[in-house]
Amino acid sequence: MRTALGLLLALPALAQRVEVLRGGSEELKGVFFSGKPWLVQCVSAADITAASESGKAAVEASHAVLQLALGSLPKEVDVGLLDCKKRLPSGKNSGKNTLERFRLDDGISPLLMLFANARPPIQLTPALLNKAGLSTQLFPSARQQAAALVNLVTSRAEPKLWPVTKTEQLHDICVKKGRHCALILHQGELKSEATRSLKALLPEFRTVHFVSWRGPVPLNPHAAPRPSHAQGSAPHRHPTPHPADHSKPGALRLLPRSQAARSDARRATAAWSALRPRRRRGR
């Protein structure tokens, strides 16, 4: 009873947190591919119609556990309702719906998925909630389920630095899966100023995968082949960095896939350079 009353009182404040997604092309590109964290609940077409009446109606159309979690989710996470059986509007996946496009299991109810950091969506499952700290009681309460949901979304939405030690790992992360990366080259542990700089960059450039390599980097073209100029890749100024170049951490742009990707990678590299402390002359 207290839970229901508390939620009723909180509805006006939470009304701005749930967005009704109409399924337009540009809107879905922003949700699916922008890198910004989106927690999306799949609902029916009738639910979309009802939720469109007001912000309060949108909250009420979401699952009860999601309603309880809304006030505790990170501010950078947007929440949306989507008719996942509606056909996608355009592109190579036109004719498919969201369930088919991302191979979601519609046997799990509610169907919740998290988009974040330009990675494939994660469908939230009972197993993932259990790993996120769901109570081991036989019948966990709605609040316990909501707390586990918040823990899971917070953890998965946070952008991370990818530490690699082998060329094969670099190839798998940046080449094989077609991502564009900024490679952080360093000797020893990253210094505090470098860590602070990275913390500022990661949330701002979520479509860029920041990869940390400790020590000399053998950018072997056979292990990590670079695309040709015809594929839209600019040549690196220093394709094989020498260990002497690594006395200070630096960002190296790798394998952008498109003009938008190149722009993101350039801005990320420039921002990293601006955040790094400059050496004084004569030292």
C-alpha atoms as a PDB file:
ATOM      1  CA  MET A   1       0.000   0.000   0.000  1.00  0.00           C
ATOM      2  CA  ARG A   2       2.806   2.400   0.907  1.00  0.00           C
ATOM      3  CA  THR A   3       4.627   1.565  -2.326  1.00  0.00           C
ATOM      4  CA  ALA A   4       1.565   2.329  -4.433  1.00  0.00           C
ATOM      5  CA  LEU A   5       0.884   5.586  -2.559  1.00  0.00           C
ATOM      6  CA  GLY A   6       4.501   6.723  -2.854  1.00  0.00           C
ATOM      7  CA  LEU A   7       4.512   6.009  -6.576  1.00  0.00           C
ATOM      8  CA  LEU A   8       1.247   7.905  -7.050  1.00  0.00           C
ATOM      9  CA  LEU A   9       2.725  10.974  -5.345  1.00  0.00           C
ATOM     10  CA  ALA A  10       5.899  10.725  -7.410  1.00  0.00           C
ATOM     11  CA  LEU A  11       4.187  10.429 -10.797  1.00  0.00           C
ATOM     12  CA  PRO A  12       4.273  14.167 -11.638  1.00  0.00           C
ATOM     13  CA  ALA A  13       8.035  14.303 -11.042  1.00  0.00           C
ATOM     14  CA  LEU A  14       8.665  11.129 -13.064  1.00  0.00           C
ATOM     15  CA  ALA A  15       6.422  12.107 -15.983  1.00  0.00           C
ATOM     16  CA  GLN A  16       9.330  13.663 -17.885  1.00  0.00           C
ATOM     17  CA  ARG A  17      11.431  10.500 -17.669  1.00  0.00           C
ATOM     18  CA  VAL A  18       9.401   8.270 -19.987  1.00  0.00           C
ATOM     19  CA  GLU A  19       9.260   9.116 -23.681  1.00  0.00           C
ATOM     20  CA  VAL A  20       6.830   7.616 -26.156  1.00  0.00           C
ATOM     21  CA  LEU A  21       8.826   6.546 -29.221  1.00  0.00           C
ATOM     22  CA  ARG A  22       6.803   6.898 -32.419  1.00  0.00           C
ATOM     23  CA  GLY A  23       9.132   4.779 -34.538  1.00  0.00           C
ATOM     24  CA  GLY A  24      10.356   7.452 -36.960  1.00  0.00           C
ATOM     25  CA  SER A  25      13.617   6.890 -38.814  1.00  0.00           C
ATOM     26  CA  GLU A  26      15.660   9.697 -37.232  1.00  0.00           C
ATOM     27  CA  GLU A  27      14.209   9.021 -33.795  1.00  0.00           C
ATOM     28  CA  LEU A  28      15.164   5.346 -33.908  1.00  0.00           C
ATOM     29  CA  LYS A  29      18.654   6.105 -35.212  1.00  0.00           C
ATOM     30  CA  GLY A  30      19.154   8.265 -32.140  1.00  0.00           C
ATOM     31  CA  VAL A  31      17.962   5.493 -29.840  1.00  0.00           C
ATOM     32  CA  PHE A  32      19.676   2.562 -31.543  1.00  0.00           C
ATOM     33  CA  PHE A  33      22.988   4.004 -32.730  1.00  0.00           C
ATOM     34  CA  SER A  34      23.842   7.335 -31.064  1.00  0.00           C
ATOM     35  CA  GLY A  35      25.665   5.698 -28.156  1.00  0.00           C
ATOM     36  CA  LYS A  36      23.485   7.541 -25.648  1.00  0.00           C
ATOM     37  CA  PRO A  37      22.016   5.192 -23.015  1.00  0.00           C
ATOM     38  CA  TRP A  38      18.382   4.278 -23.670  1.00  0.00           C
ATOM     39  CA  LEU A  39      16.323   1.847 -21.592  1.00  0.00           C
ATOM     40  CA  VAL A  40      13.454   0.797 -23.834  1.00  0.00           C
ATOM     41  CA  GLN A  41      10.380  -1.215 -22.920  1.00  0.00           C
ATOM     42  CA  CYS A  42       8.531  -2.927 -25.728  1.00  0.00           C
ATOM     43  CA  VAL A  43       4.781  -2.375 -25.476  1.00  0.00           C
ATOM     44  CA  SER A  44       1.754  -2.874 -27.700  1.00  0.00           C
ATOM     45  CA  ALA A  45       0.382  -0.401 -30.219  1.00  0.00           C
ATOM     46  CA  ALA A  46      -2.585   0.138 -27.887  1.00  0.00           C
ATOM     47  CA  ASP A  47      -0.214   0.981 -25.030  1.00  0.00           C
ATOM     48  CA  ILE A  48       1.574   3.524 -27.244  1.00  0.00           C
ATOM     49  CA  THR A  49      -1.762   5.192 -28.006  1.00  0.00           C
ATOM     50  CA  ALA A  50      -2.703   5.340 -24.320  1.00  0.00           C
ATOM     51  CA  ALA A  51       0.748   6.514 -23.250  1.00  0.00           C
ATOM     52  CA  SER A  52       0.673   9.364 -25.760  1.00  0.00           C
ATOM     53  CA  GLU A  53      -2.054  11.187 -23.843  1.00  0.00           C
ATOM     54  CA  SER A  54       0.313  12.625 -21.217  1.00  0.00           C
ATOM     55  CA  GLY A  55       3.597  12.132 -19.395  1.00  0.00           C
ATOM     56  CA  LYS A  56       1.710  10.582 -16.507  1.00  0.00           C
ATOM     57  CA  ALA A  57       0.035   8.139 -18.892  1.00  0.00           C
ATOM     58  CA  ALA A  58       3.456   7.181 -20.283  1.00  0.00           C
ATOM     59  CA  VAL A  59       4.726   6.344 -16.789  1.00  0.00           C
ATOM     60  CA  GLU A  60       1.590   4.345 -16.046  1.00  0.00           C
ATOM     61  CA  ALA A  61       2.034   2.378 -19.298  1.00  0.00           C
ATOM     62  CA  SER A  62       5.483   1.203 -18.190  1.00  0.00           C
ATOM     63  CA  HIS A  63       5.981  -1.872 -16.034  1.00  0.00           C
ATOM     64  CA  ALA A  64       5.494  -1.457 -12.272  1.00  0.00           C
ATOM     65  CA  VAL A  65       9.114  -2.377 -11.487  1.00  0.00           C
ATOM     66  CA  LEU A  66      10.373   0.113 -14.069  1.00  0.00           C
ATOM     67  CA  GLN A  67       8.154   2.778 -12.493  1.00  0.00           C
ATOM     68  CA  LEU A  68       9.799   2.151  -9.122  1.00  0.00           C
ATOM     69  CA  ALA A  69      13.255   2.349 -10.690  1.00  0.00           C
ATOM     70  CA  LEU A  70      12.705   5.611 -12.605  1.00  0.00           C
ATOM     71  CA  GLY A  71      13.696   7.931  -9.783  1.00  0.00           C
ATOM     72  CA  SER A  72      16.993   6.100  -9.168  1.00  0.00           C
ATOM     73  CA  LEU A  73      18.218   5.545 -12.721  1.00  0.00           C
ATOM     74  CA  PRO A  74      21.245   7.636 -13.796  1.00  0.00           C
ATOM     75  CA  LYS A  75      20.215  10.987 -15.274  1.00  0.00           C
ATOM     76  CA  GLU A  76      22.009  10.256 -18.528  1.00  0.00           C
ATOM     77  CA  VAL A  77      19.783   7.224 -19.176  1.00  0.00           C
ATOM     78  CA  ASP A  78      16.682   8.007 -21.216  1.00  0.00           C
ATOM     79  CA  VAL A  79      13.634   5.775 -20.884  1.00  0.00           C
ATOM     80  CA  GLY A  80      11.281   5.059 -23.741  1.00  0.00           C
ATOM     81  CA  LEU A  81       8.269   2.997 -24.758  1.00  0.00           C
ATOM     82  CA  LEU A  82       8.314   1.424 -28.210  1.00  0.00           C
ATOM     83  CA  ASP A  83       6.000  -0.761 -30.254  1.00  0.00           C
ATOM     84  CA  CYS A  84       8.637  -3.360 -31.102  1.00  0.00           C
ATOM     85  CA  LYS A  85       6.317  -5.210 -33.510  1.00  0.00           C
ATOM     86  CA  LYS A  86       5.938  -2.170 -35.728  1.00  0.00           C
ATOM     87  CA  ARG A  87       7.866  -2.401 -38.973  1.00  0.00           C
ATOM     88  CA  LEU A  88      11.075  -0.377 -39.126  1.00  0.00           C
ATOM     89  CA  PRO A  89      10.720   2.633 -41.420  1.00  0.00           C
ATOM     90  CA  SER A  90      13.653   2.448 -43.831  1.00  0.00           C
ATOM     91  CA  GLY A  91      17.092   1.145 -44.639  1.00  0.00           C
ATOM     92  CA  LYS A  92      18.326  -2.385 -45.162  1.00  0.00           C
ATOM     93  CA  ASN A  93      16.171  -3.588 -42.251  1.00  0.00           C
ATOM     94  CA  SER A  94      12.916  -2.150 -43.573  1.00  0.00           C
ATOM     95  CA  GLY A  95      10.261  -4.833 -43.456  1.00  0.00           C
ATOM     96  CA  LYS A  96      11.612  -6.157 -40.170  1.00  0.00           C
ATOM     97  CA  ASN A  97      10.404  -5.068 -36.768  1.00  0.00           C
ATOM     98  CA  THR A  98      12.591  -4.278 -33.757  1.00  0.00           C
ATOM     99  CA  LEU A  99      12.206  -7.784 -32.338  1.00  0.00           C
ATOM    100  CA  GLU A 100      13.510  -9.288 -35.579  1.00  0.00           C
ATOM    101  CA  ARG A 101      16.181  -6.643 -36.135  1.00  0.00           C
ATOM    102  CA  PHE A 102      17.870  -7.312 -32.779  1.00  0.00           C
ATOM    103  CA  ARG A 103      16.778 -10.945 -32.351  1.00  0.00           C
ATOM    104  CA  LEU A 104      14.966 -10.328 -29.094  1.00  0.00           C
ATOM    105  CA  ASP A 105      13.211 -13.008 -27.076  1.00  0.00           C
ATOM    106  CA  ASP A 106       9.580 -11.916 -26.837  1.00  0.00           C
ATOM    107  CA  GLY A 107       8.911 -14.785 -24.449  1.00  0.00           C
ATOM    108  CA  ILE A 108      10.386 -12.692 -21.621  1.00  0.00           C
ATOM    109  CA  SER A 109       7.956 -10.237 -20.084  1.00  0.00           C
ATOM    110  CA  PRO A 110       8.368  -7.337 -19.746  1.00  0.00           C
ATOM    111  CA  LEU A 111      10.671  -6.995 -22.718  1.00  0.00           C
ATOM    112  CA  LEU A 112      13.306  -4.443 -21.745  1.00  0.00           C
ATOM    113  CA  MET A 113      16.450  -3.624 -23.689  1.00  0.00           C
ATOM    114  CA  LEU A 114      19.334  -1.287 -23.011  1.00  0.00           C
ATOM    115  CA  PHE A 115      21.145   0.585 -25.768  1.00  0.00           C
ATOM    116  CA  ALA A 116      24.414   2.223 -24.730  1.00  0.00           C
ATOM    117  CA  ASN A 117      27.868   3.161 -25.999  1.00  0.00           C
ATOM    118  CA  ALA A 118      27.212   2.184 -29.646  1.00  0.00           C
ATOM    119  CA  ARG A 119      27.070  -1.502 -28.753  1.00  0.00           C
ATOM    120  CA  PRO A 120      24.349  -4.014 -29.633  1.00  0.00           C
ATOM    121  CA  PRO A 121      21.378  -3.796 -27.260  1.00  0.00           C
ATOM    122  CA  ILE A 122      21.255  -5.914 -24.144  1.00  0.00           C
ATOM    123  CA  GLN A 123      17.949  -7.601 -23.407  1.00  0.00           C
ATOM    124  CA  LEU A 124      17.324  -7.636 -19.677  1.00  0.00           C
ATOM    125  CA  THR A 125      16.755 -11.160 -18.407  1.00  0.00           C
ATOM    126  CA  PRO A 126      16.171 -12.776 -15.008  1.00  0.00           C
ATOM    127  CA  ALA A 127      19.724 -14.139 -15.111  1.00  0.00           C
ATOM    128  CA  LEU A 128      21.191 -10.635 -15.598  1.00  0.00           C
ATOM    129  CA  LEU A 129      19.083  -9.243 -12.752  1.00  0.00           C
ATOM    130  CA  ASN A 130      20.275 -12.033 -10.474  1.00  0.00           C
ATOM    131  CA  LYS A 131      23.894 -11.101 -11.243  1.00  0.00           C
ATOM    132  CA  ALA A 132      23.040  -7.461 -10.520  1.00  0.00           C
ATOM    133  CA  GLY A 133      22.137  -8.274  -6.919  1.00  0.00           C
ATOM    134  CA  LEU A 134      18.517  -9.399  -7.019  1.00  0.00           C
ATOM    135  CA  SER A 135      17.429 -10.793  -3.672  1.00  0.00           C
ATOM    136  CA  THR A 136      17.806 -14.534  -3.221  1.00  0.00           C
ATOM    137  CA  GLN A 137      14.426 -14.683  -1.521  1.00  0.00           C
ATOM    138  CA  LEU A 138      11.878 -16.998  -3.131  1.00  0.00           C
ATOM    139  CA  PHE A 139       9.603 -14.056  -3.980  1.00  0.00           C
ATOM    140  CA  PRO A 140      11.640 -10.827  -4.237  1.00  0.00           C
ATOM    141  CA  SER A 141       9.602  -7.676  -3.704  1.00  0.00           C
ATOM    142  CA  ALA A 142       9.020  -5.125  -6.460  1.00  0.00           C
ATOM    143  CA  ARG A 143      11.424  -2.729  -4.738  1.00  0.00           C
ATOM    144  CA  GLN A 144      14.151  -5.376  -4.662  1.00  0.00           C
ATOM    145  CA  GLN A 145      13.617  -6.026  -8.346  1.00  0.00           C
ATOM    146  CA  ALA A 146      13.747  -2.286  -9.059  1.00  0.00           C
ATOM    147  CA  ALA A 147      17.031  -1.954  -7.131  1.00  0.00           C
ATOM    148  CA  ALA A 148      18.562  -4.786  -9.168  1.00  0.00           C
ATOM    149  CA  LEU A 149      17.314  -3.127 -12.369  1.00  0.00           C
ATOM    150  CA  VAL A 150      18.983   0.158 -11.402  1.00  0.00           C
ATOM    151  CA  ASN A 151      22.253  -1.636 -10.589  1.00  0.00           C
ATOM    152  CA  LEU A 152      22.204  -3.469 -13.903  1.00  0.00           C
ATOM    153  CA  VAL A 153      21.404  -0.422 -16.042  1.00  0.00           C
ATOM    154  CA  THR A 154      23.935   1.764 -14.208  1.00  0.00           C
ATOM    155  CA  SER A 155      26.695  -0.785 -14.709  1.00  0.00           C
ATOM    156  CA  ARG A 156      25.969  -1.517 -18.376  1.00  0.00           C
ATOM    157  CA  ALA A 157      25.378   2.124 -19.357  1.00  0.00           C
ATOM    158  CA  GLU A 158      28.723   3.308 -18.014  1.00  0.00           C
ATOM    159  CA  PRO A 159      31.329   3.760 -20.780  1.00  0.00           C
ATOM    160  CA  LYS A 160      34.510   1.843 -20.093  1.00  0.00           C
ATOM    161  CA  LEU A 161      38.149   1.828 -21.124  1.00  0.00           C
ATOM    162  CA  TRP A 162      39.096  -1.371 -22.949  1.00  0.00           C
ATOM    163  CA  PRO A 163      42.517  -2.661 -21.804  1.00  0.00           C
ATOM    164  CA  VAL A 164      44.220  -4.871 -24.410  1.00  0.00           C
ATOM    165  CA  THR A 165      47.563  -6.642 -24.384  1.00  0.00           C
ATOM    166  CA  LYS A 166      47.516  -8.528 -27.690  1.00  0.00           C
ATOM    167  CA  THR A 167      47.213  -7.447 -31.305  1.00  0.00           C
ATOM    168  CA  GLU A 168      44.491 -10.050 -31.763  1.00  0.00           C
ATOM    169  CA  GLN A 169      42.380  -8.310 -29.102  1.00  0.00           C
ATOM    170  CA  LEU A 170      42.848  -4.982 -30.847  1.00  0.00           C
ATOM    171  CA  HIS A 171      41.811  -6.567 -34.133  1.00  0.00           C
ATOM    172  CA  ASP A 172      38.697  -8.105 -32.566  1.00  0.00           C
ATOM    173  CA  ILE A 173      37.559  -4.881 -30.873  1.00  0.00           C
ATOM    174  CA  CYS A 174      38.333  -2.309 -33.556  1.00  0.00           C
ATOM    175  CA  VAL A 175      38.606  -4.103 -36.890  1.00  0.00           C
ATOM    176  CA  LYS A 176      36.593  -7.292 -36.891  1.00  0.00           C
ATOM    177  CA  LYS A 177      33.501  -5.638 -35.402  1.00  0.00           C
ATOM    178  CA  GLY A 178      33.874  -2.456 -37.459  1.00  0.00           C
ATOM    179  CA  ARG A 179      34.186  -0.013 -34.559  1.00  0.00           C
ATOM    180  CA  HIS A 180      36.178   3.187 -34.544  1.00  0.00           C
ATOM    181  CA  CYS A 181      38.635   3.442 -31.693  1.00  0.00           C
ATOM    182  CA  ALA A 182      40.987   5.822 -29.924  1.00  0.00           C
ATOM    183  CA  LEU A 183      44.070   3.986 -28.747  1.00  0.00           C
ATOM    184  CA  ILE A 184      45.676   5.201 -25.513  1.00  0.00           C
ATOM    185  CA  LEU A 185      49.381   4.373 -25.586  1.00  0.00           C
ATOM    186  CA  HIS A 186      51.198   4.336 -22.258  1.00  0.00           C
ATOM    187  CA  GLN A 187      54.105   2.859 -20.328  1.00  0.00           C
ATOM    188  CA  GLY A 188      53.312   1.613 -16.829  1.00  0.00           C
ATOM    189  CA  GLU A 189      50.103   2.605 -15.069  1.00  0.00           C
ATOM    190  CA  LEU A 190      48.058   5.503 -16.409  1.00  0.00           C
ATOM    191  CA  LYS A 191      48.791   8.625 -14.392  1.00  0.00           C
ATOM    192  CA  SER A 192      46.089  10.430 -12.468  1.00  0.00           C
ATOM    193  CA  GLU A 193      45.796  13.312 -14.965  1.00  0.00           C
ATOM    194  CA  ALA A 194      45.339  10.826 -17.820  1.00  0.00           C
ATOM    195  CA  THR A 195      42.677   8.983 -15.843  1.00  0.00           C
ATOM    196  CA  ARG A 196      40.811  12.225 -15.159  1.00  0.00           C
ATOM    197  CA  SER A 197      40.981  13.157 -18.820  1.00  0.00           C
ATOM    198  CA  LEU A 198      39.570   9.798 -19.839  1.00  0.00           C
ATOM    199  CA  LYS A 199      36.717  10.060 -17.362  1.00  0.00           C
ATOM    200  CA  ALA A 200      35.755  13.344 -19.010  1.00  0.00           C
ATOM    201  CA  LEU A 201      35.979  11.951 -22.543  1.00  0.00           C
ATOM    202  CA  LEU A 202      34.244   8.589 -22.189  1.00  0.00           C
ATOM    203  CA  PRO A 203      30.686   9.899 -21.576  1.00  0.00           C
ATOM    204  CA  GLU A 204      31.050  12.609 -24.231  1.00  0.00           C
ATOM    205  CA  PHE A 205      32.207  10.311 -27.043  1.00  0.00           C
ATOM    206  CA  ARG A 206      30.195   7.159 -26.518  1.00  0.00           C
ATOM    207  CA  THR A 207      30.522   6.057 -30.148  1.00  0.00           C
ATOM    208  CA  VAL A 208      34.308   5.925 -29.816  1.00  0.00           C
ATOM    209  CA  HIS A 209      35.850   2.879 -28.141  1.00  0.00           C
ATOM    210  CA  PHE A 210      38.803   3.975 -26.031  1.00  0.00           C
ATOM    211  CA  VAL A 211      41.389   1.215 -25.954  1.00  0.00           C
ATOM    212  CA  SER A 212      44.337   1.181 -23.557  1.00  0.00           C
ATOM    213  CA  TRP A 213      47.608  -0.446 -24.612  1.00  0.00           C
ATOM    214  CA  ARG A 214      50.411  -0.625 -22.059  1.00  0.00           C
ATOM    215  CA  GLY A 215      53.879  -0.656 -23.631  1.00  0.00           C
ATOM    216  CA  PRO A 216      55.081  -0.759 -27.253  1.00  0.00           C
ATOM    217  CA  VAL A 217      52.319  -1.289 -29.786  1.00  0.00           C
ATOM    218  CA  PRO A 218      53.065  -3.592 -32.711  1.00  0.00           C
ATOM    219  CA  LEU A 219      50.441  -2.321 -35.160  1.00  0.00           C
ATOM    220  CA  ASN A 220      50.901  -5.320 -37.422  1.00  0.00           C
ATOM    221  CA  PRO A 221      48.919  -4.854 -40.638  1.00  0.00           C
ATOM    222  CA  HIS A 222      48.618  -8.626 -40.959  1.00  0.00           C
ATOM    223  CA  ALA A 223      47.068  -8.991 -37.500  1.00  0.00           C
ATOM    224  CA  ALA A 224      44.968  -5.801 -37.706  1.00  0.00           C
ATOM    225  CA  PRO A 225      44.475  -4.920 -41.397  1.00  0.00           C
ATOM    226  CA  ARG A 226      43.618  -1.321 -42.173  1.00  0.00           C
ATOM    227  CA  PRO A 227      41.045  -0.471 -44.859  1.00  0.00           C
ATOM    228  CA  SER A 228      42.203   1.102 -48.106  1.00  0.00           C
ATOM    229  CA  HIS A 229      41.649   4.748 -49.059  1.00  0.00           C
ATOM    230  CA  ALA A 230      38.704   3.592 -51.173  1.00  0.00           C
ATOM    231  CA  GLN A 231      36.957   2.563 -47.966  1.00  0.00           C
ATOM    232  CA  GLY A 232      37.221   6.078 -46.563  1.00  0.00           C
ATOM    233  CA  SER A 233      40.171   5.663 -44.196  1.00  0.00           C
ATOM    234  CA  ALA A 234      42.837   8.344 -43.897  1.00  0.00           C
ATOM    235  CA  PRO A 235      46.437   7.119 -43.552  1.00  0.00           C
ATOM    236  CA  HIS A 236      48.056   7.331 -40.110  1.00  0.00           C
ATOM    237  CA  ARG A 237      50.930   9.759 -39.722  1.00  0.00           C
ATOM    238  CA  HIS A 238      52.766   7.259 -37.515  1.00  0.00           C
ATOM    239  CA  PRO A 239      51.487   3.787 -38.468  1.00  0.00           C
ATOM    240  CA  THR A 240      54.091   2.031 -36.284  1.00  0.00           C
ATOM    241  CA  PRO A 241      54.692   4.014 -33.077  1.00  0.00           C
ATOM    242  CA  HIS A 242      58.127   3.514 -31.541  1.00  0.00           C
ATOM    243  CA  PRO A 243      58.414   2.829 -27.800  1.00  0.00           C
ATOM    244  CA  ALA A 244      60.164   6.177 -27.417  1.00  0.00           C
ATOM    245  CA  ASP A 245      56.938   7.886 -28.454  1.00  0.00           C
ATOM    246  CA  HIS A 246      55.100   6.470 -25.446  1.00  0.00           C
ATOM    247  CA  SER A 247      56.647   8.444 -22.616  1.00  0.00           C
ATOM    248  CA  LYS A 248      53.346  10.304 -22.369  1.00  0.00           C
ATOM    249  CA  PRO A 249      49.891   8.794 -22.919  1.00  0.00           C
ATOM    250  CA  GLY A 250      48.412   9.757 -26.289  1.00  0.00           C
ATOM    251  CA  ALA A 251      45.366   9.034 -28.416  1.00  0.00           C
ATOM    252  CA  LEU A 252      45.688   7.438 -31.841  1.00  0.00           C
ATOM    253  CA  ARG A 253      42.677   7.366 -34.158  1.00  0.00           C
ATOM    254  CA  LEU A 254      41.970   3.953 -35.679  1.00  0.00           C
ATOM    255  CA  LEU A 255      39.764   2.764 -38.517  1.00  0.00           C
ATOM    256  CA  PRO A 256      36.822   5.187 -38.716  1.00  0.00           C
ATOM    257  CA  ARG A 257      33.917   3.678 -40.657  1.00  0.00           C
ATOM    258  CA  SER A 258      32.221   6.772 -42.056  1.00  0.00           C
ATOM    259  CA  GLN A 259      32.418  10.558 -42.284  1.00  0.00           C
ATOM    260  CA  ALA A 260      30.438  10.857 -39.038  1.00  0.00           C
ATOM    261  CA  ALA A 261      32.800   8.359 -37.391  1.00  0.00           C
ATOM    262  CA  ARG A 262      35.847  10.293 -38.594  1.00  0.00           C
ATOM    263  CA  SER A 263      34.374  13.486 -37.174  1.00  0.00           C
ATOM    264  CA  ASP A 264      33.735  11.843 -33.793  1.00  0.00           C
ATOM    265  CA  ALA A 265      37.227  10.357 -33.707  1.00  0.00           C
ATOM    266  CA  ARG A 266      38.882  13.667 -34.630  1.00  0.00           C
ATOM    267  CA  ARG A 267      36.932  15.548 -31.971  1.00  0.00           C
ATOM    268  CA  ALA A 268      37.766  12.908 -29.352  1.00  0.00           C
ATOM    269  CA  THR A 269      41.469  13.092 -30.195  1.00  0.00           C
ATOM    270  CA  ALA A 270      41.426  16.897 -30.081  1.00  0.00           C
ATOM    271  CA  ALA A 271      39.583  16.870 -26.754  1.00  0.00           C
ATOM    272  CA  TRP A 272      42.103  14.400 -25.319  1.00  0.00           C
ATOM    273  CA  SER A 273      44.987  16.602 -26.430  1.00  0.00           C
ATOM    274  CA  ALA A 274      43.347  19.664 -24.900  1.00  0.00           C
ATOM    275  CA  LEU A 275      42.834  17.919 -21.569  1.00  0.00           C
ATOM    276  CA  ARG A 276      46.414  16.638 -21.274  1.00  0.00           C
ATOM    277  CA  PRO A 277      48.743  18.950 -19.319  1.00  0.00           C
ATOM    278  CA  ARG A 278      51.274  20.682 -21.581  1.00  0.00           C
ATOM    279  CA  ARG A 279      54.980  20.425 -20.938  1.00  0.00           C
ATOM    280  CA  ARG A 280      56.718  23.628 -20.066  1.00  0.00           C
ATOM    281  CA  ARG A 281      59.494  24.826 -22.327  1.00  0.00           C
ATOM    282  CA  GLY A 282      62.996  24.048 -21.232  1.00  0.00           C
ATOM    283  CA  ARG A 283      61.971  20.836 -19.480  1.00  0.00           C
END
